[in-house]
């Protein structure tokens, strides 16, 4: 019965995580469409400090879609392992890229299409090999997990590293090193996911009629989540304001997901009873998603299609054959040029003769 219930919760969490990616990915398209409509009307744009988008229904539809996606993502952590839910967040980037090519006329080049395919394959592999976390049904059990020496050491290290980066490294190198602010967001994000898991359990107990509001852990988790999310938003906005989004997004995804996987493995012992093939499959899926996200973002401004591929291969073949091929090509080109020149001169000479001109001789 418990195993059947676990599979049922796993499926619910998987559906919620995928729904979250669809809602969040679609929200970017709806917001962008709304902003483009305002630009065509001549309204002051958001980048210039305007707030006309508050009167645009498409923008509000995008905001509601993002809200629905975040709620679904929050609920997914209550049913499925964080090792599954967090990496599937990459699908929102995939959904946004595909929808933008249809509705915003933003071309998806060959690298982007390969990146989308790799992201789908990596996500599928991770779903197949996703670990089963230890059962945590009540806040008392969650409290016991949070008091585990391994997690206490991990959380202490996260707080110390974050404070060093915020107080010492950030003011000196935050404006020039992209890893500083992104690392702050990522390592604190691991704690925020743990808080979300605990609050998800609290909400499930609340619906079951248990006195959750009297449990001090509920308020500690809520306060911790507020602090963590506020810090994440602050430093992620700083990173986005200073550095290129196409660079920030894949780096943040990799470091954040790695931090969450590490935290979840320590807190819920997800990797303790996994078979070797499942461990390899999970890491392989994660690395495949990373490569897919990198291809999708790093080369999005490169105009490269299948039509350009044969030409590129011919150039590569010529370069591989070295100087001999270049000399041979030059000889052929010179020979062809000489033949053309001789033919042109013969034609001009014949024409001059027909016209009786002495200059032809």
Foldseek 3Di string as FASTA:
>chain_A
DVVVLLVVLAVLLVVLLLLLLLLLLVLVVLLVVLQVVCVVVVADGVVNVDDCSVVGVSNVSSVVSNVSSVVSLLLSLQRHFLLLNLLSNLSSVLNNVVVCVVRVVQDQAPLLVLLSVLLVVLSVLCSVLPFRFDDDQALVSLVVLCPPPLLVVLVVVLVVLLCCLVPPVCVPCVLPDLCSLLLNLQLLLLLLSSLSNSLSSLVVVVVVVDPSVVDVVNVVSVVSNVVSVVSNVVSLVVSVVRDPPLVSVLVSSLSNSVNNVVSSCSRGVRPVPGDPVSVVSSVVSSVSNSSSSNSNRVCSVPRHHPVCVVVVVVVVVQVVVPDVSVVVVVVVVVVVVVVVVVVVLVVVLVVCVVVVHPVSD
